[in-house]
Amino acid sequence: MDLDTLQAEHPDIAAALINQGVEQGRARERERVGAIVGADEAKGREALAQHLAFATELSADMAVATLKASPLHAPATPTVDQQTGFDQLMRALGNPAIEPDPEEDADELETAAKRIASFSNNGGAV
């Protein structure tokens, strides 16, 4: 008996078998994803682990082997040794304290209009 015949003659059985297959597939895929993203080798390689788990069909063993062979993620910010002199100088200066002009009107619309007029009258320079 082939699948078409089974579905035609016994639709309830065919539907139950298909649902059972779907559930088994879902459970196996969850195990695979969990094995990849939960592996010790995924620590420091989280983005690669997610890519291997969700965007490939690699087995969990192959994905973990790939993670193990891959370098750890580099830190997003350079260390002090990697910073240029400019970076170090800018960090040492800190941020300036910028305060609003105390003479500005409380009416925001009027203030905005004055700024636009000042900008236009000065040829684009404030």
PDB file of N, CA and C in Angstrom:
ATOM      1  N   MET A   1       0.855  -1.168   0.000  1.00  0.00           N
ATOM      2  CA  MET A   1       0.000   0.000   0.000  1.00  0.00           C
ATOM      3  C   MET A   1       0.902   1.232   0.000  1.00  0.00           C
ATOM      4  N   ASP A   2       0.605   2.197  -0.884  1.00  0.00           N
ATOM      5  CA  ASP A   2       1.377   3.437  -0.925  1.00  0.00           C
ATOM      6  C   ASP A   2       0.656   4.525  -0.129  1.00  0.00           C
ATOM      7  N   LEU A   3       1.283   5.676  -0.014  1.00  0.00           N
ATOM      8  CA  LEU A   3       0.746   6.767   0.806  1.00  0.00           C
ATOM      9  C   LEU A   3      -0.595   7.275   0.269  1.00  0.00           C
ATOM     10  N   ASP A   4      -0.704   7.411  -1.040  1.00  0.00           N
ATOM     11  CA  ASP A   4      -1.958   7.892  -1.624  1.00  0.00           C
ATOM     12  C   ASP A   4      -3.117   6.947  -1.304  1.00  0.00           C
ATOM     13  N   THR A   5      -2.862   5.656  -1.404  1.00  0.00           N
ATOM     14  CA  THR A   5      -3.903   4.676  -1.107  1.00  0.00           C
ATOM     15  C   THR A   5      -4.274   4.728   0.374  1.00  0.00           C
ATOM     16  N   LEU A   6      -3.272   4.825   1.230  1.00  0.00           N
ATOM     17  CA  LEU A   6      -3.525   4.910   2.673  1.00  0.00           C
ATOM     18  C   LEU A   6      -4.369   6.147   2.998  1.00  0.00           C
ATOM     19  N   GLN A   7      -4.015   7.281   2.401  1.00  0.00           N
ATOM     20  CA  GLN A   7      -4.771   8.506   2.663  1.00  0.00           C
ATOM     21  C   GLN A   7      -6.203   8.412   2.128  1.00  0.00           C
ATOM     22  N   ALA A   8      -6.362   7.747   1.000  1.00  0.00           N
ATOM     23  CA  ALA A   8      -7.700   7.625   0.416  1.00  0.00           C
ATOM     24  C   ALA A   8      -8.573   6.657   1.205  1.00  0.00           C
ATOM     25  N   GLU A   9      -8.023   5.513   1.611  1.00  0.00           N
ATOM     26  CA  GLU A   9      -8.801   4.474   2.273  1.00  0.00           C
ATOM     27  C   GLU A   9      -8.891   4.655   3.787  1.00  0.00           C
ATOM     28  N   HIS A  10      -7.879   5.259   4.377  1.00  0.00           N
ATOM     29  CA  HIS A  10      -7.833   5.411   5.842  1.00  0.00           C
ATOM     30  C   HIS A  10      -7.318   6.812   6.201  1.00  0.00           C
ATOM     31  N   PRO A  11      -8.101   7.853   5.940  1.00  0.00           N
ATOM     32  CA  PRO A  11      -7.616   9.218   6.181  1.00  0.00           C
ATOM     33  C   PRO A  11      -7.277   9.507   7.647  1.00  0.00           C
ATOM     34  N   ASP A  12      -7.997   8.906   8.578  1.00  0.00           N
ATOM     35  CA  ASP A  12      -7.715   9.139  10.000  1.00  0.00           C
ATOM     36  C   ASP A  12      -6.357   8.569  10.390  1.00  0.00           C
ATOM     37  N   ILE A  13      -6.076   7.374   9.908  1.00  0.00           N
ATOM     38  CA  ILE A  13      -4.785   6.742  10.218  1.00  0.00           C
ATOM     39  C   ILE A  13      -3.657   7.534   9.573  1.00  0.00           C
ATOM     40  N   ALA A  14      -3.857   7.944   8.311  1.00  0.00           N
ATOM     41  CA  ALA A  14      -2.825   8.710   7.614  1.00  0.00           C
ATOM     42  C   ALA A  14      -2.548  10.020   8.351  1.00  0.00           C
ATOM     43  N   ALA A  15      -3.596  10.712   8.775  1.00  0.00           N
ATOM     44  CA  ALA A  15      -3.424  11.975   9.502  1.00  0.00           C
ATOM     45  C   ALA A  15      -2.712  11.756  10.830  1.00  0.00           C
ATOM     46  N   ALA A  16      -3.047  10.696  11.529  1.00  0.00           N
ATOM     47  CA  ALA A  16      -2.397  10.392  12.808  1.00  0.00           C
ATOM     48  C   ALA A  16      -0.911  10.095  12.607  1.00  0.00           C
ATOM     49  N   LEU A  17      -0.590   9.341  11.562  1.00  0.00           N
ATOM     50  CA  LEU A  17       0.815   9.040  11.276  1.00  0.00           C
ATOM     51  C   LEU A  17       1.596  10.302  10.903  1.00  0.00           C
ATOM     52  N   ILE A  18       0.981  11.173  10.120  1.00  0.00           N
ATOM     53  CA  ILE A  18       1.642  12.421   9.736  1.00  0.00           C
ATOM     54  C   ILE A  18       1.876  13.287  10.977  1.00  0.00           C
ATOM     55  N   ASN A  19       0.862  13.408  11.832  1.00  0.00           N
ATOM     56  CA  ASN A  19       1.011  14.198  13.061  1.00  0.00           C
ATOM     57  C   ASN A  19       2.094  13.626  13.964  1.00  0.00           C
ATOM     58  N   GLN A  20       2.144  12.303  14.046  1.00  0.00           N
ATOM     59  CA  GLN A  20       3.174  11.662  14.864  1.00  0.00           C
ATOM     60  C   GLN A  20       4.563  11.981  14.299  1.00  0.00           C
ATOM     61  N   GLY A  21       4.701  11.939  12.982  1.00  0.00           N
ATOM     62  CA  GLY A  21       5.983  12.271  12.354  1.00  0.00           C
ATOM     63  C   GLY A  21       6.386  13.717  12.588  1.00  0.00           C
ATOM     64  N   VAL A  22       5.406  14.600  12.506  1.00  0.00           N
ATOM     65  CA  VAL A  22       5.679  16.021  12.750  1.00  0.00           C
ATOM     66  C   VAL A  22       6.158  16.221  14.186  1.00  0.00           C
ATOM     67  N   GLU A  23       5.491  15.620  15.138  1.00  0.00           N
ATOM     68  CA  GLU A  23       5.883  15.766  16.543  1.00  0.00           C
ATOM     69  C   GLU A  23       7.275  15.183  16.796  1.00  0.00           C
ATOM     70  N   GLN A  24       7.568  14.035  16.203  1.00  0.00           N
ATOM     71  CA  GLN A  24       8.900  13.442  16.365  1.00  0.00           C
ATOM     72  C   GLN A  24       9.968  14.341  15.751  1.00  0.00           C
ATOM     73  N   GLY A  25       9.682  14.896  14.584  1.00  0.00           N
ATOM     74  CA  GLY A  25      10.625  15.807  13.938  1.00  0.00           C
ATOM     75  C   GLY A  25      10.861  17.063  14.753  1.00  0.00           C
ATOM     76  N   ARG A  26       9.790  17.597  15.307  1.00  0.00           N
ATOM     77  CA  ARG A  26       9.900  18.792  16.146  1.00  0.00           C
ATOM     78  C   ARG A  26      10.747  18.496  17.386  1.00  0.00           C
ATOM     79  N   ALA A  27      10.531  17.368  18.006  1.00  0.00           N
ATOM     80  CA  ALA A  27      11.293  17.012  19.212  1.00  0.00           C
ATOM     81  C   ALA A  27      12.774  16.819  18.873  1.00  0.00           C
ATOM     82  N   ARG A  28      13.058  16.172  17.764  1.00  0.00           N
ATOM     83  CA  ARG A  28      14.462  15.960  17.365  1.00  0.00           C
ATOM     84  C   ARG A  28      15.147  17.283  17.053  1.00  0.00           C
ATOM     85  N   GLU A  29      14.431  18.186  16.384  1.00  0.00           N
ATOM     86  CA  GLU A  29      15.024  19.489  16.054  1.00  0.00           C
ATOM     87  C   GLU A  29      15.289  20.294  17.318  1.00  0.00           C
ATOM     88  N   ARG A  30      14.392  20.211  18.290  1.00  0.00           N
ATOM     89  CA  ARG A  30      14.619  20.903  19.563  1.00  0.00           C
ATOM     90  C   ARG A  30      15.841  20.343  20.276  1.00  0.00           C
ATOM     91  N   GLU A  31      15.997  19.034  20.252  1.00  0.00           N
ATOM     92  CA  GLU A  31      17.182  18.414  20.853  1.00  0.00           C
ATOM     93  C   GLU A  31      18.444  18.887  20.157  1.00  0.00           C
ATOM     94  N   ARG A  32      18.412  18.934  18.821  1.00  0.00           N
ATOM     95  CA  ARG A  32      19.563  19.359  18.020  1.00  0.00           C
ATOM     96  C   ARG A  32      19.940  20.805  18.351  1.00  0.00           C
ATOM     97  N   VAL A  33      18.951  21.688  18.353  1.00  0.00           N
ATOM     98  CA  VAL A  33      19.213  23.098  18.647  1.00  0.00           C
ATOM     99  C   VAL A  33      19.750  23.252  20.067  1.00  0.00           C
ATOM    100  N   GLY A  34      19.150  22.582  21.016  1.00  0.00           N
ATOM    101  CA  GLY A  34      19.613  22.656  22.397  1.00  0.00           C
ATOM    102  C   GLY A  34      21.032  22.145  22.567  1.00  0.00           C
ATOM    103  N   ALA A  35      21.366  21.078  21.844  1.00  0.00           N
ATOM    104  CA  ALA A  35      22.721  20.522  21.930  1.00  0.00           C
ATOM    105  C   ALA A  35      23.745  21.496  21.358  1.00  0.00           C
ATOM    106  N   ILE A  36      23.352  22.234  20.337  1.00  0.00           N
ATOM    107  CA  ILE A  36      24.300  23.173  19.708  1.00  0.00           C
ATOM    108  C   ILE A  36      24.470  24.421  20.567  1.00  0.00           C
ATOM    109  N   VAL A  37      23.380  25.108  20.863  1.00  0.00           N
ATOM    110  CA  VAL A  37      23.501  26.378  21.600  1.00  0.00           C
ATOM    111  C   VAL A  37      23.856  26.165  23.070  1.00  0.00           C
ATOM    112  N   GLY A  38      23.607  24.981  23.599  1.00  0.00           N
ATOM    113  CA  GLY A  38      23.939  24.699  24.987  1.00  0.00           C
ATOM    114  C   GLY A  38      25.298  24.059  25.187  1.00  0.00           C
ATOM    115  N   ALA A  39      26.017  23.818  24.108  1.00  0.00           N
ATOM    116  CA  ALA A  39      27.328  23.175  24.217  1.00  0.00           C
ATOM    117  C   ALA A  39      28.342  24.112  24.855  1.00  0.00           C
ATOM    118  N   ASP A  40      29.297  23.547  25.581  1.00  0.00           N
ATOM    119  CA  ASP A  40      30.369  24.354  26.163  1.00  0.00           C
ATOM    120  C   ASP A  40      31.129  25.108  25.073  1.00  0.00           C
ATOM    121  N   GLU A  41      31.256  24.494  23.900  1.00  0.00           N
ATOM    122  CA  GLU A  41      31.981  25.107  22.794  1.00  0.00           C
ATOM    123  C   GLU A  41      31.273  26.347  22.246  1.00  0.00           C
ATOM    124  N   ALA A  42      29.996  26.526  22.582  1.00  0.00           N
ATOM    125  CA  ALA A  42      29.242  27.694  22.114  1.00  0.00           C
ATOM    126  C   ALA A  42      29.556  28.943  22.931  1.00  0.00           C
ATOM    127  N   LYS A  43      30.130  28.781  24.111  1.00  0.00           N
ATOM    128  CA  LYS A  43      30.456  29.929  24.955  1.00  0.00           C
ATOM    129  C   LYS A  43      31.535  30.763  24.268  1.00  0.00           C
ATOM    130  N   GLY A  44      31.231  32.044  24.078  1.00  0.00           N
ATOM    131  CA  GLY A  44      32.146  32.930  23.373  1.00  0.00           C
ATOM    132  C   GLY A  44      31.970  32.878  21.864  1.00  0.00           C
ATOM    133  N   ARG A  45      31.082  32.006  21.413  1.00  0.00           N
ATOM    134  CA  ARG A  45      30.799  31.857  19.979  1.00  0.00           C
ATOM    135  C   ARG A  45      29.282  31.803  19.764  1.00  0.00           C
ATOM    136  N   GLU A  46      28.546  32.562  20.550  1.00  0.00           N
ATOM    137  CA  GLU A  46      27.088  32.469  20.561  1.00  0.00           C
ATOM    138  C   GLU A  46      26.452  32.756  19.203  1.00  0.00           C
ATOM    139  N   ALA A  47      26.942  33.777  18.504  1.00  0.00           N
ATOM    140  CA  ALA A  47      26.351  34.116  17.200  1.00  0.00           C
ATOM    141  C   ALA A  47      26.559  32.978  16.206  1.00  0.00           C
ATOM    142  N   LEU A  48      27.732  32.388  16.205  1.00  0.00           N
ATOM    143  CA  LEU A  48      27.993  31.267  15.308  1.00  0.00           C
ATOM    144  C   LEU A  48      27.148  30.065  15.699  1.00  0.00           C
ATOM    145  N   ALA A  49      26.997  29.817  16.981  1.00  0.00           N
ATOM    146  CA  ALA A  49      26.174  28.691  17.440  1.00  0.00           C
ATOM    147  C   ALA A  49      24.730  28.862  16.985  1.00  0.00           C
ATOM    148  N   GLN A  50      24.201  30.066  17.090  1.00  0.00           N
ATOM    149  CA  GLN A  50      22.825  30.305  16.640  1.00  0.00           C
ATOM    150  C   GLN A  50      22.709  30.126  15.137  1.00  0.00           C
ATOM    151  N   HIS A  51      23.705  30.590  14.405  1.00  0.00           N
ATOM    152  CA  HIS A  51      23.673  30.401  12.954  1.00  0.00           C
ATOM    153  C   HIS A  51      23.679  28.917  12.603  1.00  0.00           C
ATOM    154  N   LEU A  52      24.564  28.163  13.222  1.00  0.00           N
ATOM    155  CA  LEU A  52      24.646  26.730  12.931  1.00  0.00           C
ATOM    156  C   LEU A  52      23.370  26.005  13.330  1.00  0.00           C
ATOM    157  N   ALA A  53      22.754  26.426  14.426  1.00  0.00           N
ATOM    158  CA  ALA A  53      21.542  25.764  14.908  1.00  0.00           C
ATOM    159  C   ALA A  53      20.330  26.077  14.050  1.00  0.00           C
ATOM    160  N   PHE A  54      20.194  27.327  13.622  1.00  0.00           N
ATOM    161  CA  PHE A  54      18.954  27.747  12.972  1.00  0.00           C
ATOM    162  C   PHE A  54      19.043  27.894  11.450  1.00  0.00           C
ATOM    163  N   ALA A  55      20.243  28.068  10.911  1.00  0.00           N
ATOM    164  CA  ALA A  55      20.357  28.336   9.474  1.00  0.00           C
ATOM    165  C   ALA A  55      21.040  27.217   8.699  1.00  0.00           C
ATOM    166  N   THR A  56      21.376  26.126   9.366  1.00  0.00           N
ATOM    167  CA  THR A  56      21.989  24.997   8.670  1.00  0.00           C
ATOM    168  C   THR A  56      21.264  23.711   9.054  1.00  0.00           C
ATOM    169  N   GLU A  57      21.606  22.668   8.348  1.00  0.00           N
ATOM    170  CA  GLU A  57      21.051  21.354   8.679  1.00  0.00           C
ATOM    171  C   GLU A  57      22.135  20.421   9.220  1.00  0.00           C
ATOM    172  N   LEU A  58      23.221  21.012   9.726  1.00  0.00           N
ATOM    173  CA  LEU A  58      24.293  20.204  10.305  1.00  0.00           C
ATOM    174  C   LEU A  58      23.775  19.433  11.516  1.00  0.00           C
ATOM    175  N   SER A  59      24.305  18.248  11.689  1.00  0.00           N
ATOM    176  CA  SER A  59      23.964  17.509  12.902  1.00  0.00           C
ATOM    177  C   SER A  59      24.551  18.244  14.099  1.00  0.00           C
ATOM    178  N   ALA A  60      24.062  17.938  15.274  1.00  0.00           N
ATOM    179  CA  ALA A  60      24.573  18.585  16.483  1.00  0.00           C
ATOM    180  C   ALA A  60      26.064  18.295  16.646  1.00  0.00           C
ATOM    181  N   ASP A  61      26.484  17.068  16.382  1.00  0.00           N
ATOM    182  CA  ASP A  61      27.908  16.718  16.518  1.00  0.00           C
ATOM    183  C   ASP A  61      28.777  17.529  15.562  1.00  0.00           C
ATOM    184  N   MET A  62      28.324  17.681  14.315  1.00  0.00           N
ATOM    185  CA  MET A  62      29.094  18.447  13.333  1.00  0.00           C
ATOM    186  C   MET A  62      29.127  19.934  13.705  1.00  0.00           C
ATOM    187  N   ALA A  63      28.010  20.453  14.169  1.00  0.00           N
ATOM    188  CA  ALA A  63      27.957  21.866  14.549  1.00  0.00           C
ATOM    189  C   ALA A  63      28.865  22.139  15.747  1.00  0.00           C
ATOM    190  N   VAL A  64      28.855  21.253  16.721  1.00  0.00           N
ATOM    191  CA  VAL A  64      29.718  21.431  17.897  1.00  0.00           C
ATOM    192  C   VAL A  64      31.185  21.316  17.500  1.00  0.00           C
ATOM    193  N   ALA A  65      31.511  20.418  16.581  1.00  0.00           N
ATOM    194  CA  ALA A  65      32.888  20.304  16.092  1.00  0.00           C
ATOM    195  C   ALA A  65      33.306  21.589  15.380  1.00  0.00           C
ATOM    196  N   THR A  66      32.381  22.178  14.632  1.00  0.00           N
ATOM    197  CA  THR A  66      32.668  23.447  13.960  1.00  0.00           C
ATOM    198  C   THR A  66      32.905  24.546  14.985  1.00  0.00           C
ATOM    199  N   LEU A  67      32.085  24.585  16.014  1.00  0.00           N
ATOM    200  CA  LEU A  67      32.278  25.580  17.075  1.00  0.00           C
ATOM    201  C   LEU A  67      33.638  25.407  17.744  1.00  0.00           C
ATOM    202  N   LYS A  68      34.000  24.172  18.008  1.00  0.00           N
ATOM    203  CA  LYS A  68      35.268  23.885  18.683  1.00  0.00           C
ATOM    204  C   LYS A  68      36.449  24.349  17.842  1.00  0.00           C
ATOM    205  N   ALA A  69      36.329  24.238  16.523  1.00  0.00           N
ATOM    206  CA  ALA A  69      37.418  24.624  15.627  1.00  0.00           C
ATOM    207  C   ALA A  69      37.442  26.121  15.341  1.00  0.00           C
ATOM    208  N   SER A  70      36.421  26.850  15.755  1.00  0.00           N
ATOM    209  CA  SER A  70      36.309  28.283  15.457  1.00  0.00           C
ATOM    210  C   SER A  70      36.911  29.112  16.584  1.00  0.00           C
ATOM    211  N   PRO A  71      37.465  30.292  16.235  1.00  0.00           N
ATOM    212  CA  PRO A  71      38.031  31.153  17.285  1.00  0.00           C
ATOM    213  C   PRO A  71      36.923  31.770  18.130  1.00  0.00           C
ATOM    214  N   LEU A  72      37.285  32.122  19.339  1.00  0.00           N
ATOM    215  CA  LEU A  72      36.340  32.804  20.221  1.00  0.00           C
ATOM    216  C   LEU A  72      36.051  34.186  19.664  1.00  0.00           C
ATOM    217  N   HIS A  73      34.872  34.712  19.988  1.00  0.00           N
ATOM    218  CA  HIS A  73      34.472  36.042  19.531  1.00  0.00           C
ATOM    219  C   HIS A  73      35.402  37.077  20.142  1.00  0.00           C
ATOM    220  N   ALA A  74      35.897  37.996  19.319  1.00  0.00           N
ATOM    221  CA  ALA A  74      36.765  39.068  19.803  1.00  0.00           C
ATOM    222  C   ALA A  74      35.940  40.077  20.588  1.00  0.00           C
ATOM    223  N   PRO A  75      36.524  40.698  21.590  1.00  0.00           N
ATOM    224  CA  PRO A  75      35.785  41.709  22.338  1.00  0.00           C
ATOM    225  C   PRO A  75      35.373  42.856  21.415  1.00  0.00           C
ATOM    226  N   ALA A  76      34.207  43.450  21.687  1.00  0.00           N
ATOM    227  CA  ALA A  76      33.674  44.505  20.831  1.00  0.00           C
ATOM    228  C   ALA A  76      34.484  45.797  20.940  1.00  0.00           C
ATOM    229  N   THR A  77      35.033  46.073  22.110  1.00  0.00           N
ATOM    230  CA  THR A  77      35.823  47.289  22.270  1.00  0.00           C
ATOM    231  C   THR A  77      37.296  46.905  22.402  1.00  0.00           C
ATOM    232  N   PRO A  78      38.171  47.710  21.824  1.00  0.00           N
ATOM    233  CA  PRO A  78      39.597  47.374  21.914  1.00  0.00           C
ATOM    234  C   PRO A  78      40.100  47.520  23.344  1.00  0.00           C
ATOM    235  N   THR A  79      41.098  46.751  23.663  1.00  0.00           N
ATOM    236  CA  THR A  79      41.715  46.870  24.979  1.00  0.00           C
ATOM    237  C   THR A  79      42.552  48.138  24.995  1.00  0.00           C
ATOM    238  N   VAL A  80      43.023  48.556  26.167  1.00  0.00           N
ATOM    239  CA  VAL A  80      43.824  49.767  26.293  1.00  0.00           C
ATOM    240  C   VAL A  80      45.069  49.657  25.421  1.00  0.00           C
ATOM    241  N   ASP A  81      45.664  48.488  25.310  1.00  0.00           N
ATOM    242  CA  ASP A  81      46.852  48.305  24.491  1.00  0.00           C
ATOM    243  C   ASP A  81      46.564  48.517  23.012  1.00  0.00           C
ATOM    244  N   GLN A  82      45.316  48.246  22.571  1.00  0.00           N
ATOM    245  CA  GLN A  82      44.956  48.361  21.167  1.00  0.00           C
ATOM    246  C   GLN A  82      44.463  49.757  20.805  1.00  0.00           C
ATOM    247  N   GLN A  83      44.208  50.604  21.763  1.00  0.00           N
ATOM    248  CA  GLN A  83      43.683  51.934  21.484  1.00  0.00           C
ATOM    249  C   GLN A  83      44.794  52.844  20.969  1.00  0.00           C
ATOM    250  N   THR A  84      44.417  53.746  20.079  1.00  0.00           N
ATOM    251  CA  THR A  84      45.369  54.732  19.590  1.00  0.00           C
ATOM    252  C   THR A  84      45.529  55.825  20.623  1.00  0.00           C
ATOM    253  N   GLY A  85      46.517  56.670  20.425  1.00  0.00           N
ATOM    254  CA  GLY A  85      46.713  57.804  21.322  1.00  0.00           C
ATOM    255  C   GLY A  85      45.507  58.723  21.327  1.00  0.00           C
ATOM    256  N   PHE A  86      44.860  58.879  20.167  1.00  0.00           N
ATOM    257  CA  PHE A  86      43.667  59.715  20.075  1.00  0.00           C
ATOM    258  C   PHE A  86      42.551  59.145  20.944  1.00  0.00           C
ATOM    259  N   ASP A  87      42.332  57.827  20.856  1.00  0.00           N
ATOM    260  CA  ASP A  87      41.305  57.184  21.686  1.00  0.00           C
ATOM    261  C   ASP A  87      41.564  57.430  23.167  1.00  0.00           C
ATOM    262  N   GLN A  88      42.807  57.264  23.575  1.00  0.00           N
ATOM    263  CA  GLN A  88      43.144  57.443  24.982  1.00  0.00           C
ATOM    264  C   GLN A  88      42.957  58.887  25.420  1.00  0.00           C
ATOM    265  N   LEU A  89      43.330  59.842  24.556  1.00  0.00           N
ATOM    266  CA  LEU A  89      43.172  61.247  24.883  1.00  0.00           C
ATOM    267  C   LEU A  89      41.699  61.613  25.014  1.00  0.00           C
ATOM    268  N   MET A  90      40.881  61.138  24.088  1.00  0.00           N
ATOM    269  CA  MET A  90      39.460  61.449  24.130  1.00  0.00           C
ATOM    270  C   MET A  90      38.800  60.862  25.377  1.00  0.00           C
ATOM    271  N   ARG A  91      39.205  59.675  25.776  1.00  0.00           N
ATOM    272  CA  ARG A  91      38.649  59.073  26.989  1.00  0.00           C
ATOM    273  C   ARG A  91      39.079  59.849  28.240  1.00  0.00           C
ATOM    274  N   ALA A  92      40.297  60.380  28.234  1.00  0.00           N
ATOM    275  CA  ALA A  92      40.798  61.123  29.387  1.00  0.00           C
ATOM    276  C   ALA A  92      40.103  62.472  29.535  1.00  0.00           C
ATOM    277  N   LEU A  93      39.700  63.086  28.421  1.00  0.00           N
ATOM    278  CA  LEU A  93      39.062  64.401  28.482  1.00  0.00           C
ATOM    279  C   LEU A  93      37.661  64.344  29.055  1.00  0.00           C
ATOM    280  N   GLY A  94      36.958  63.287  28.815  1.00  0.00           N
ATOM    281  CA  GLY A  94      35.592  63.180  29.297  1.00  0.00           C
ATOM    282  C   GLY A  94      34.652  64.015  28.443  1.00  0.00           C
ATOM    283  N   ASN A  95      33.394  64.036  28.813  1.00  0.00           N
ATOM    284  CA  ASN A  95      32.383  64.778  28.076  1.00  0.00           C
ATOM    285  C   ASN A  95      32.237  66.178  28.650  1.00  0.00           C
ATOM    286  N   PRO A  96      32.058  67.178  27.776  1.00  0.00           N
ATOM    287  CA  PRO A  96      31.847  68.530  28.292  1.00  0.00           C
ATOM    288  C   PRO A  96      30.468  68.653  28.928  1.00  0.00           C
ATOM    289  N   ALA A  97      30.364  69.534  29.873  1.00  0.00           N
ATOM    290  CA  ALA A  97      29.070  69.794  30.517  1.00  0.00           C
ATOM    291  C   ALA A  97      28.331  70.807  29.657  1.00  0.00           C
ATOM    292  N   ILE A  98      27.292  70.392  29.009  1.00  0.00           N
ATOM    293  CA  ILE A  98      26.515  71.268  28.131  1.00  0.00           C
ATOM    294  C   ILE A  98      25.209  71.592  28.832  1.00  0.00           C
ATOM    295  N   GLU A  99      24.975  72.872  29.008  1.00  0.00           N
ATOM    296  CA  GLU A  99      23.790  73.346  29.708  1.00  0.00           C
ATOM    297  C   GLU A  99      22.949  74.172  28.741  1.00  0.00           C
ATOM    298  N   PRO A 100      21.637  74.193  28.900  1.00  0.00           N
ATOM    299  CA  PRO A 100      20.808  75.061  28.052  1.00  0.00           C
ATOM    300  C   PRO A 100      21.041  76.519  28.402  1.00  0.00           C
ATOM    301  N   ASP A 101      20.859  77.393  27.421  1.00  0.00           N
ATOM    302  CA  ASP A 101      21.009  78.827  27.624  1.00  0.00           C
ATOM    303  C   ASP A 101      19.914  79.309  28.575  1.00  0.00           C
ATOM    304  N   PRO A 102      20.266  79.933  29.686  1.00  0.00           N
ATOM    305  CA  PRO A 102      19.233  80.347  30.648  1.00  0.00           C
ATOM    306  C   PRO A 102      18.346  81.470  30.127  1.00  0.00           C
ATOM    307  N   GLU A 103      18.745  82.184  29.071  1.00  0.00           N
ATOM    308  CA  GLU A 103      17.954  83.288  28.543  1.00  0.00           C
ATOM    309  C   GLU A 103      16.864  82.832  27.585  1.00  0.00           C
ATOM    310  N   GLU A 104      16.831  81.553  27.242  1.00  0.00           N
ATOM    311  CA  GLU A 104      15.837  81.076  26.291  1.00  0.00           C
ATOM    312  C   GLU A 104      14.440  81.164  26.879  1.00  0.00           C
ATOM    313  N   ASP A 105      13.486  81.455  25.986  1.00  0.00           N
ATOM    314  CA  ASP A 105      12.094  81.546  26.418  1.00  0.00           C
ATOM    315  C   ASP A 105      11.571  80.179  26.815  1.00  0.00           C
ATOM    316  N   ALA A 106      10.575  80.187  27.655  1.00  0.00           N
ATOM    317  CA  ALA A 106       9.963  78.933  28.062  1.00  0.00           C
ATOM    318  C   ALA A 106       9.095  78.358  26.955  1.00  0.00           C
ATOM    319  N   ASP A 107       8.629  79.211  26.050  1.00  0.00           N
ATOM    320  CA  ASP A 107       7.771  78.771  24.961  1.00  0.00           C
ATOM    321  C   ASP A 107       8.630  78.063  23.915  1.00  0.00           C
ATOM    322  N   GLU A 108       8.493  76.745  23.796  1.00  0.00           N
ATOM    323  CA  GLU A 108       9.342  75.961  22.910  1.00  0.00           C
ATOM    324  C   GLU A 108       9.147  76.331  21.445  1.00  0.00           C
ATOM    325  N   LEU A 109       7.924  76.625  21.034  1.00  0.00           N
ATOM    326  CA  LEU A 109       7.648  76.979  19.654  1.00  0.00           C
ATOM    327  C   LEU A 109       8.338  78.291  19.293  1.00  0.00           C
ATOM    328  N   GLU A 110       8.248  79.270  20.190  1.00  0.00           N
ATOM    329  CA  GLU A 110       8.897  80.570  19.952  1.00  0.00           C
ATOM    330  C   GLU A 110      10.417  80.398  19.915  1.00  0.00           C
ATOM    331  N   THR A 111      10.959  79.592  20.795  1.00  0.00           N
ATOM    332  CA  THR A 111      12.393  79.341  20.835  1.00  0.00           C
ATOM    333  C   THR A 111      12.854  78.671  19.546  1.00  0.00           C
ATOM    334  N   ALA A 112      12.126  77.688  19.084  1.00  0.00           N
ATOM    335  CA  ALA A 112      12.483  77.004  17.850  1.00  0.00           C
ATOM    336  C   ALA A 112      12.448  77.967  16.677  1.00  0.00           C
ATOM    337  N   ALA A 113      11.448  78.846  16.622  1.00  0.00           N
ATOM    338  CA  ALA A 113      11.342  79.826  15.535  1.00  0.00           C
ATOM    339  C   ALA A 113      12.531  80.781  15.564  1.00  0.00           C
ATOM    340  N   LYS A 114      12.940  81.224  16.752  1.00  0.00           N
ATOM    341  CA  LYS A 114      14.102  82.115  16.868  1.00  0.00           C
ATOM    342  C   LYS A 114      15.378  81.422  16.392  1.00  0.00           C
ATOM    343  N   ARG A 115      15.549  80.176  16.726  1.00  0.00           N
ATOM    344  CA  ARG A 115      16.743  79.431  16.287  1.00  0.00           C
ATOM    345  C   ARG A 115      16.772  79.290  14.772  1.00  0.00           C
ATOM    346  N   ILE A 116      15.623  78.985  14.184  1.00  0.00           N
ATOM    347  CA  ILE A 116      15.555  78.837  12.730  1.00  0.00           C
ATOM    348  C   ILE A 116      15.862  80.169  12.060  1.00  0.00           C
ATOM    349  N   ALA A 117      15.291  81.251  12.578  1.00  0.00           N
ATOM    350  CA  ALA A 117      15.548  82.574  12.016  1.00  0.00           C
ATOM    351  C   ALA A 117      17.011  82.940  12.156  1.00  0.00           C
ATOM    352  N   SER A 118      17.595  82.658  13.303  1.00  0.00           N
ATOM    353  CA  SER A 118      19.016  82.951  13.531  1.00  0.00           C
ATOM    354  C   SER A 118      19.883  82.152  12.579  1.00  0.00           C
ATOM    355  N   PHE A 119      19.525  80.927  12.365  1.00  0.00           N
ATOM    356  CA  PHE A 119      20.270  80.051  11.453  1.00  0.00           C
ATOM    357  C   PHE A 119      20.201  80.602  10.034  1.00  0.00           C
ATOM    358  N   SER A 120      19.028  81.009   9.605  1.00  0.00           N
ATOM    359  CA  SER A 120      18.827  81.531   8.256  1.00  0.00           C
ATOM    360  C   SER A 120      19.527  82.862   8.074  1.00  0.00           C
ATOM    361  N   ASN A 121      19.468  83.742   9.077  1.00  0.00           N
ATOM    362  CA  ASN A 121      20.078  85.073   8.990  1.00  0.00           C
ATOM    363  C   ASN A 121      21.595  85.029   8.990  1.00  0.00           C
ATOM    364  N   ASN A 122      22.171  83.992   9.564  1.00  0.00           N
ATOM    365  CA  ASN A 122      23.622  83.880   9.636  1.00  0.00           C
ATOM    366  C   ASN A 122      24.206  83.034   8.513  1.00  0.00           C
ATOM    367  N   GLY A 123      23.431  82.805   7.484  1.00  0.00           N
ATOM    368  CA  GLY A 123      23.929  82.042   6.352  1.00  0.00           C
ATOM    369  C   GLY A 123      24.127  80.572   6.666  1.00  0.00           C
ATOM    370  N   GLY A 124      23.376  80.055   7.601  1.00  0.00           N
ATOM    371  CA  GLY A 124      23.465  78.623   7.936  1.00  0.00           C
ATOM    372  C   GLY A 124      24.340  78.341   9.122  1.00  0.00           C
ATOM    373  N   ALA A 125      24.962  79.388   9.707  1.00  0.00           N
ATOM    374  CA  ALA A 125      25.815  79.189  10.886  1.00  0.00           C
ATOM    375  C   ALA A 125      25.070  79.675  12.116  1.00  0.00           C
ATOM    376  N   VAL A 126      25.167  78.956  13.186  1.00  0.00           N
ATOM    377  CA  VAL A 126      24.492  79.355  14.418  1.00  0.00           C
ATOM    378  C   VAL A 126      25.471  80.041  15.327  1.00  0.00           C
TER     379      VAL A 126
END
